[in-house]
Amino acid sequence: MTGPDTRRALLRLEAEHDADTEELDRLARRLRAELGELDVDVLAVPAGELPEGAKAADPVTIGALVVAFSAAGGVFPGLVETLREWLGRQSGKHRIKVTVDGDTVELERATAAERQQLIDAFVRRHG
């Protein structure tokens, strides 16, 4: 997906603190498969978008995805909603950091009202 209205979001999945690299990889694969059902492209993470010193097998690298999406047509709100729903179905206390244009929001378990307020504000800025 390329074009003048294409936006990119960096997603960083952070598994609960006792999850190992294998568990994080499994979670990231499940998330990637679910995102594949949306009208987005899930891409490899460019080296410049990872924290300095991250390596291919680092948990930071394993849990990172870049999602390209159209700025038009309400794709971004659907992406964020999918991430929120995915987190809600997981048994662990995981979180996903979503970064668009240097602006980051952290999605995790919170009350429905708290999540909705945070998501609405973020989507208004980038949707």
N, C-alpha and C. Protein backbone atom coordinates (compact mmCIF):
# COMPACT_ATOMS: atom_id res chain seq x y z
N MET A 1 0.86 -1.17 0.00
CA MET A 1 0.00 0.00 0.00
C MET A 1 0.90 1.23 0.00
N THR A 2 0.92 1.92 -1.09
CA THR A 2 1.70 3.14 -1.17
C THR A 2 0.85 4.21 -1.83
N GLY A 3 1.18 5.42 -1.61
CA GLY A 3 0.46 6.53 -2.20
C GLY A 3 0.53 7.73 -1.29
N PRO A 4 0.03 8.87 -1.77
CA PRO A 4 0.14 10.09 -0.98
C PRO A 4 -0.68 10.07 0.30
N ASP A 5 -1.72 9.23 0.36
CA ASP A 5 -2.53 9.21 1.58
C ASP A 5 -2.20 8.01 2.48
N THR A 6 -1.07 7.34 2.21
CA THR A 6 -0.69 6.19 3.02
C THR A 6 0.00 6.66 4.30
N ARG A 7 -0.45 6.14 5.42
CA ARG A 7 0.14 6.44 6.72
C ARG A 7 0.76 5.17 7.27
N ARG A 8 1.66 5.30 8.20
CA ARG A 8 2.30 4.15 8.83
C ARG A 8 2.20 4.27 10.35
N ALA A 9 1.96 3.14 10.97
CA ALA A 9 1.94 3.07 12.43
C ALA A 9 2.93 2.00 12.85
N LEU A 10 3.74 2.32 13.83
CA LEU A 10 4.65 1.34 14.43
C LEU A 10 3.93 0.75 15.64
N LEU A 11 3.76 -0.57 15.64
CA LEU A 11 3.13 -1.25 16.76
C LEU A 11 4.20 -2.01 17.52
N ARG A 12 4.22 -1.86 18.83
CA ARG A 12 5.15 -2.62 19.67
C ARG A 12 4.35 -3.37 20.72
N LEU A 13 4.32 -4.68 20.54
CA LEU A 13 3.63 -5.54 21.49
C LEU A 13 4.56 -5.82 22.66
N GLU A 14 4.07 -5.57 23.85
CA GLU A 14 4.84 -5.85 25.05
C GLU A 14 4.05 -6.87 25.87
N ALA A 15 4.59 -8.08 25.97
CA ALA A 15 3.94 -9.14 26.73
C ALA A 15 4.15 -8.90 28.21
N GLU A 16 3.28 -9.50 29.02
CA GLU A 16 3.44 -9.33 30.46
C GLU A 16 4.84 -9.76 30.87
N HIS A 17 5.32 -9.24 31.97
CA HIS A 17 6.72 -9.34 32.36
C HIS A 17 7.28 -10.75 32.47
N ASP A 18 6.47 -11.77 32.68
CA ASP A 18 7.03 -13.11 32.80
C ASP A 18 7.00 -13.90 31.48
N ALA A 19 6.59 -13.28 30.39
CA ALA A 19 6.56 -13.95 29.08
C ALA A 19 7.98 -14.00 28.51
N ASP A 20 8.32 -15.14 27.89
CA ASP A 20 9.64 -15.27 27.27
C ASP A 20 9.56 -14.89 25.79
N THR A 21 10.71 -14.94 25.12
CA THR A 21 10.79 -14.55 23.71
C THR A 21 9.89 -15.42 22.84
N GLU A 22 9.81 -16.70 23.15
CA GLU A 22 8.96 -17.60 22.36
C GLU A 22 7.48 -17.22 22.49
N GLU A 23 7.05 -16.90 23.70
CA GLU A 23 5.66 -16.47 23.93
C GLU A 23 5.38 -15.16 23.19
N LEU A 24 6.31 -14.22 23.26
CA LEU A 24 6.13 -12.95 22.56
C LEU A 24 6.03 -13.17 21.05
N ASP A 25 6.86 -14.05 20.51
CA ASP A 25 6.80 -14.37 19.09
C ASP A 25 5.44 -14.96 18.72
N ARG A 26 4.94 -15.87 19.54
CA ARG A 26 3.63 -16.49 19.29
C ARG A 26 2.52 -15.43 19.31
N LEU A 27 2.56 -14.54 20.29
CA LEU A 27 1.57 -13.46 20.37
C LEU A 27 1.65 -12.54 19.15
N ALA A 28 2.87 -12.18 18.76
CA ALA A 28 3.06 -11.29 17.62
C ALA A 28 2.54 -11.92 16.33
N ARG A 29 2.75 -13.21 16.17
CA ARG A 29 2.24 -13.91 14.98
C ARG A 29 0.71 -13.92 14.97
N ARG A 30 0.10 -14.14 16.12
CA ARG A 30 -1.37 -14.13 16.19
C ARG A 30 -1.91 -12.73 15.89
N LEU A 31 -1.25 -11.72 16.42
CA LEU A 31 -1.68 -10.35 16.15
C LEU A 31 -1.52 -10.03 14.67
N ARG A 32 -0.40 -10.40 14.09
CA ARG A 32 -0.15 -10.15 12.67
C ARG A 32 -1.20 -10.83 11.80
N ALA A 33 -1.57 -12.05 12.14
CA ALA A 33 -2.59 -12.77 11.38
C ALA A 33 -3.93 -12.04 11.45
N GLU A 34 -4.27 -11.54 12.62
CA GLU A 34 -5.53 -10.82 12.76
C GLU A 34 -5.50 -9.50 11.99
N LEU A 35 -4.37 -8.81 12.02
CA LEU A 35 -4.26 -7.55 11.27
C LEU A 35 -4.33 -7.81 9.77
N GLY A 36 -3.91 -9.00 9.33
CA GLY A 36 -3.97 -9.36 7.93
C GLY A 36 -5.39 -9.40 7.38
N GLU A 37 -6.38 -9.46 8.25
CA GLU A 37 -7.78 -9.46 7.83
C GLU A 37 -8.30 -8.05 7.56
N LEU A 38 -7.53 -7.04 7.94
CA LEU A 38 -7.93 -5.64 7.73
C LEU A 38 -7.41 -5.14 6.39
N ASP A 39 -7.85 -3.97 5.99
CA ASP A 39 -7.38 -3.34 4.76
C ASP A 39 -6.11 -2.54 5.06
N VAL A 40 -5.07 -3.27 5.52
CA VAL A 40 -3.77 -2.66 5.86
C VAL A 40 -2.69 -3.59 5.35
N ASP A 41 -1.47 -3.07 5.26
CA ASP A 41 -0.30 -3.88 4.95
C ASP A 41 0.56 -3.96 6.20
N VAL A 42 0.92 -5.17 6.59
CA VAL A 42 1.81 -5.37 7.73
C VAL A 42 3.20 -5.60 7.17
N LEU A 43 4.13 -4.73 7.55
CA LEU A 43 5.47 -4.70 6.95
C LEU A 43 6.54 -5.04 7.97
N ALA A 44 7.72 -5.36 7.44
CA ALA A 44 8.89 -5.53 8.30
C ALA A 44 9.23 -4.18 8.93
N VAL A 45 9.78 -4.23 10.09
CA VAL A 45 10.12 -3.00 10.80
C VAL A 45 11.47 -2.50 10.32
N PRO A 46 11.53 -1.29 9.75
CA PRO A 46 12.82 -0.74 9.34
C PRO A 46 13.73 -0.56 10.56
N ALA A 47 15.01 -0.85 10.40
CA ALA A 47 15.96 -0.78 11.51
C ALA A 47 15.94 0.58 12.20
N GLY A 48 15.71 1.64 11.46
CA GLY A 48 15.70 2.98 12.04
C GLY A 48 14.52 3.25 12.96
N GLU A 49 13.52 2.38 12.95
CA GLU A 49 12.35 2.61 13.79
C GLU A 49 12.42 1.86 15.11
N LEU A 50 13.46 1.07 15.32
CA LEU A 50 13.61 0.34 16.57
C LEU A 50 14.56 1.10 17.49
N PRO A 51 14.45 0.86 18.79
CA PRO A 51 15.37 1.51 19.71
C PRO A 51 16.80 1.12 19.41
N GLU A 52 17.72 2.04 19.66
CA GLU A 52 19.13 1.78 19.40
C GLU A 52 19.59 0.55 20.16
N GLY A 53 20.33 -0.31 19.49
CA GLY A 53 20.86 -1.51 20.10
C GLY A 53 19.97 -2.73 19.99
N ALA A 54 18.72 -2.59 19.49
CA ALA A 54 17.83 -3.75 19.35
C ALA A 54 18.38 -4.68 18.28
N LYS A 55 18.27 -5.98 18.54
CA LYS A 55 18.75 -6.99 17.60
C LYS A 55 17.58 -7.85 17.13
N ALA A 56 17.81 -8.67 16.09
CA ALA A 56 16.75 -9.46 15.47
C ALA A 56 16.01 -10.34 16.47
N ALA A 57 16.67 -10.87 17.47
CA ALA A 57 16.01 -11.77 18.41
C ALA A 57 15.59 -11.08 19.70
N ASP A 58 15.77 -9.77 19.80
CA ASP A 58 15.35 -9.04 20.99
C ASP A 58 13.83 -9.05 21.10
N PRO A 59 13.30 -9.09 22.32
CA PRO A 59 11.86 -9.00 22.48
C PRO A 59 11.27 -7.74 21.85
N VAL A 60 12.01 -6.63 21.87
CA VAL A 60 11.52 -5.40 21.24
C VAL A 60 11.32 -5.61 19.75
N THR A 61 12.25 -6.31 19.10
CA THR A 61 12.16 -6.56 17.67
C THR A 61 11.07 -7.57 17.35
N ILE A 62 10.99 -8.63 18.12
CA ILE A 62 10.02 -9.69 17.86
C ILE A 62 8.61 -9.15 17.95
N GLY A 63 8.34 -8.28 18.89
CA GLY A 63 6.99 -7.78 19.08
C GLY A 63 6.67 -6.51 18.31
N ALA A 64 7.49 -6.14 17.33
CA ALA A 64 7.27 -4.89 16.59
C ALA A 64 6.76 -5.17 15.18
N LEU A 65 5.79 -4.38 14.76
CA LEU A 65 5.21 -4.46 13.42
C LEU A 65 4.99 -3.05 12.90
N VAL A 66 5.12 -2.88 11.59
CA VAL A 66 4.74 -1.62 10.97
C VAL A 66 3.49 -1.90 10.14
N VAL A 67 2.49 -1.06 10.32
CA VAL A 67 1.24 -1.22 9.59
C VAL A 67 1.05 0.01 8.70
N ALA A 68 0.92 -0.23 7.40
CA ALA A 68 0.64 0.85 6.45
C ALA A 68 -0.87 0.83 6.17
N PHE A 69 -1.48 2.01 6.20
CA PHE A 69 -2.92 2.09 6.01
C PHE A 69 -3.27 3.38 5.29
N SER A 70 -4.43 3.39 4.67
CA SER A 70 -4.90 4.58 3.98
C SER A 70 -5.40 5.58 5.02
N ALA A 71 -5.04 6.84 4.84
CA ALA A 71 -5.51 7.87 5.75
C ALA A 71 -6.99 8.14 5.55
N ALA A 72 -7.52 7.76 4.40
CA ALA A 72 -8.93 7.99 4.10
C ALA A 72 -9.75 6.74 4.44
N GLY A 73 -11.02 6.91 4.57
CA GLY A 73 -11.92 5.78 4.69
C GLY A 73 -12.06 5.16 6.06
N GLY A 74 -11.57 5.79 7.11
CA GLY A 74 -11.76 5.27 8.45
C GLY A 74 -10.98 4.01 8.78
N VAL A 75 -9.89 3.76 8.09
CA VAL A 75 -9.10 2.55 8.33
C VAL A 75 -8.44 2.61 9.71
N PHE A 76 -7.90 3.76 10.08
CA PHE A 76 -7.17 3.86 11.34
C PHE A 76 -8.06 3.57 12.56
N PRO A 77 -9.26 4.14 12.64
CA PRO A 77 -10.11 3.78 13.79
C PRO A 77 -10.39 2.27 13.85
N GLY A 78 -10.56 1.63 12.71
CA GLY A 78 -10.77 0.18 12.69
C GLY A 78 -9.55 -0.58 13.16
N LEU A 79 -8.37 -0.10 12.79
CA LEU A 79 -7.11 -0.72 13.24
C LEU A 79 -7.01 -0.64 14.76
N VAL A 80 -7.23 0.53 15.31
CA VAL A 80 -7.12 0.71 16.76
C VAL A 80 -8.16 -0.14 17.49
N GLU A 81 -9.36 -0.20 16.96
CA GLU A 81 -10.40 -1.02 17.57
C GLU A 81 -10.02 -2.51 17.54
N THR A 82 -9.44 -2.96 16.44
CA THR A 82 -8.98 -4.35 16.34
C THR A 82 -7.91 -4.63 17.39
N LEU A 83 -6.97 -3.72 17.56
CA LEU A 83 -5.93 -3.89 18.57
C LEU A 83 -6.53 -3.97 19.96
N ARG A 84 -7.48 -3.11 20.24
CA ARG A 84 -8.14 -3.08 21.54
C ARG A 84 -8.88 -4.38 21.81
N GLU A 85 -9.61 -4.84 20.81
CA GLU A 85 -10.35 -6.10 20.95
C GLU A 85 -9.40 -7.28 21.13
N TRP A 86 -8.31 -7.28 20.36
CA TRP A 86 -7.32 -8.36 20.47
C TRP A 86 -6.76 -8.43 21.89
N LEU A 87 -6.39 -7.27 22.44
CA LEU A 87 -5.87 -7.24 23.80
C LEU A 87 -6.90 -7.77 24.80
N GLY A 88 -8.16 -7.42 24.59
CA GLY A 88 -9.21 -7.86 25.49
C GLY A 88 -9.42 -9.37 25.50
N ARG A 89 -9.06 -10.04 24.41
CA ARG A 89 -9.22 -11.49 24.31
C ARG A 89 -8.01 -12.26 24.84
N GLN A 90 -6.94 -11.59 25.18
CA GLN A 90 -5.73 -12.27 25.66
C GLN A 90 -5.84 -12.53 27.16
N SER A 91 -5.27 -13.62 27.59
CA SER A 91 -5.33 -13.96 29.01
C SER A 91 -4.32 -13.17 29.83
N GLY A 92 -3.22 -12.77 29.23
CA GLY A 92 -2.19 -12.03 29.95
C GLY A 92 -2.44 -10.53 29.94
N LYS A 93 -1.65 -9.84 30.73
CA LYS A 93 -1.74 -8.37 30.79
C LYS A 93 -0.72 -7.78 29.83
N HIS A 94 -1.01 -7.88 28.56
CA HIS A 94 -0.12 -7.37 27.53
C HIS A 94 -0.54 -5.94 27.18
N ARG A 95 0.34 -5.25 26.46
CA ARG A 95 -0.01 -3.92 25.96
C ARG A 95 0.60 -3.74 24.59
N ILE A 96 0.04 -2.80 23.84
CA ILE A 96 0.55 -2.47 22.51
C ILE A 96 0.75 -0.97 22.47
N LYS A 97 1.97 -0.56 22.09
CA LYS A 97 2.26 0.85 21.89
C LYS A 97 2.09 1.13 20.41
N VAL A 98 1.27 2.13 20.08
CA VAL A 98 1.01 2.52 18.70
C VAL A 98 1.61 3.90 18.50
N THR A 99 2.53 4.01 17.53
CA THR A 99 3.18 5.30 17.26
C THR A 99 2.88 5.71 15.82
N VAL A 100 2.33 6.92 15.68
CA VAL A 100 2.06 7.51 14.37
C VAL A 100 2.63 8.92 14.40
N ASP A 101 3.49 9.24 13.45
CA ASP A 101 4.09 10.57 13.36
C ASP A 101 4.69 11.04 14.69
N GLY A 102 5.37 10.13 15.39
CA GLY A 102 6.02 10.48 16.64
C GLY A 102 5.10 10.58 17.84
N ASP A 103 3.82 10.36 17.65
CA ASP A 103 2.82 10.42 18.72
C ASP A 103 2.49 8.99 19.13
N THR A 104 2.63 8.65 20.40
CA THR A 104 2.44 7.28 20.86
C THR A 104 1.29 7.19 21.86
N VAL A 105 0.50 6.14 21.69
CA VAL A 105 -0.53 5.80 22.66
C VAL A 105 -0.28 4.36 23.08
N GLU A 106 -0.51 4.08 24.34
CA GLU A 106 -0.30 2.75 24.89
C GLU A 106 -1.66 2.14 25.18
N LEU A 107 -1.96 1.04 24.51
CA LEU A 107 -3.22 0.34 24.72
C LEU A 107 -2.99 -0.81 25.67
N GLU A 108 -3.78 -0.89 26.71
CA GLU A 108 -3.71 -2.00 27.64
C GLU A 108 -5.06 -2.12 28.32
N ARG A 109 -5.12 -3.04 29.23
CA ARG A 109 -6.39 -3.22 29.92
C ARG A 109 -6.65 -2.02 30.83
N ALA A 110 -7.82 -1.47 30.67
CA ALA A 110 -8.29 -0.36 31.48
C ALA A 110 -9.81 -0.46 31.47
N THR A 111 -10.46 0.43 32.17
CA THR A 111 -11.92 0.39 32.09
C THR A 111 -12.33 0.74 30.67
N ALA A 112 -13.49 0.31 30.27
CA ALA A 112 -13.98 0.59 28.92
C ALA A 112 -14.04 2.09 28.66
N ALA A 113 -14.47 2.86 29.64
CA ALA A 113 -14.58 4.32 29.48
C ALA A 113 -13.20 4.95 29.31
N GLU A 114 -12.22 4.52 30.11
CA GLU A 114 -10.86 5.06 29.99
C GLU A 114 -10.27 4.76 28.63
N ARG A 115 -10.42 3.52 28.19
CA ARG A 115 -9.88 3.13 26.88
C ARG A 115 -10.54 3.96 25.78
N GLN A 116 -11.85 4.10 25.85
CA GLN A 116 -12.55 4.81 24.78
C GLN A 116 -12.14 6.27 24.71
N GLN A 117 -11.98 6.93 25.83
CA GLN A 117 -11.55 8.33 25.84
C GLN A 117 -10.16 8.47 25.21
N LEU A 118 -9.25 7.60 25.60
CA LEU A 118 -7.89 7.64 25.08
C LEU A 118 -7.87 7.36 23.58
N ILE A 119 -8.58 6.34 23.17
CA ILE A 119 -8.62 5.96 21.76
C ILE A 119 -9.26 7.06 20.92
N ASP A 120 -10.35 7.62 21.39
CA ASP A 120 -11.03 8.69 20.64
C ASP A 120 -10.11 9.88 20.40
N ALA A 121 -9.36 10.28 21.42
CA ALA A 121 -8.45 11.41 21.28
C ALA A 121 -7.34 11.08 20.28
N PHE A 122 -6.78 9.89 20.35
CA PHE A 122 -5.71 9.49 19.45
C PHE A 122 -6.20 9.40 18.01
N VAL A 123 -7.38 8.81 17.81
CA VAL A 123 -7.95 8.67 16.47
C VAL A 123 -8.26 10.05 15.87
N ARG A 124 -8.75 10.97 16.68
CA ARG A 124 -9.03 12.33 16.16
C ARG A 124 -7.76 12.98 15.62
N ARG A 125 -6.63 12.72 16.29
CA ARG A 125 -5.36 13.32 15.84
C ARG A 125 -4.81 12.67 14.58
N HIS A 126 -5.11 11.37 14.36
CA HIS A 126 -4.46 10.66 13.27
C HIS A 126 -5.40 9.99 12.29
N GLY A 127 -6.69 10.02 12.51
CA GLY A 127 -7.63 9.28 11.68
C GLY A 127 -8.15 10.01 10.51
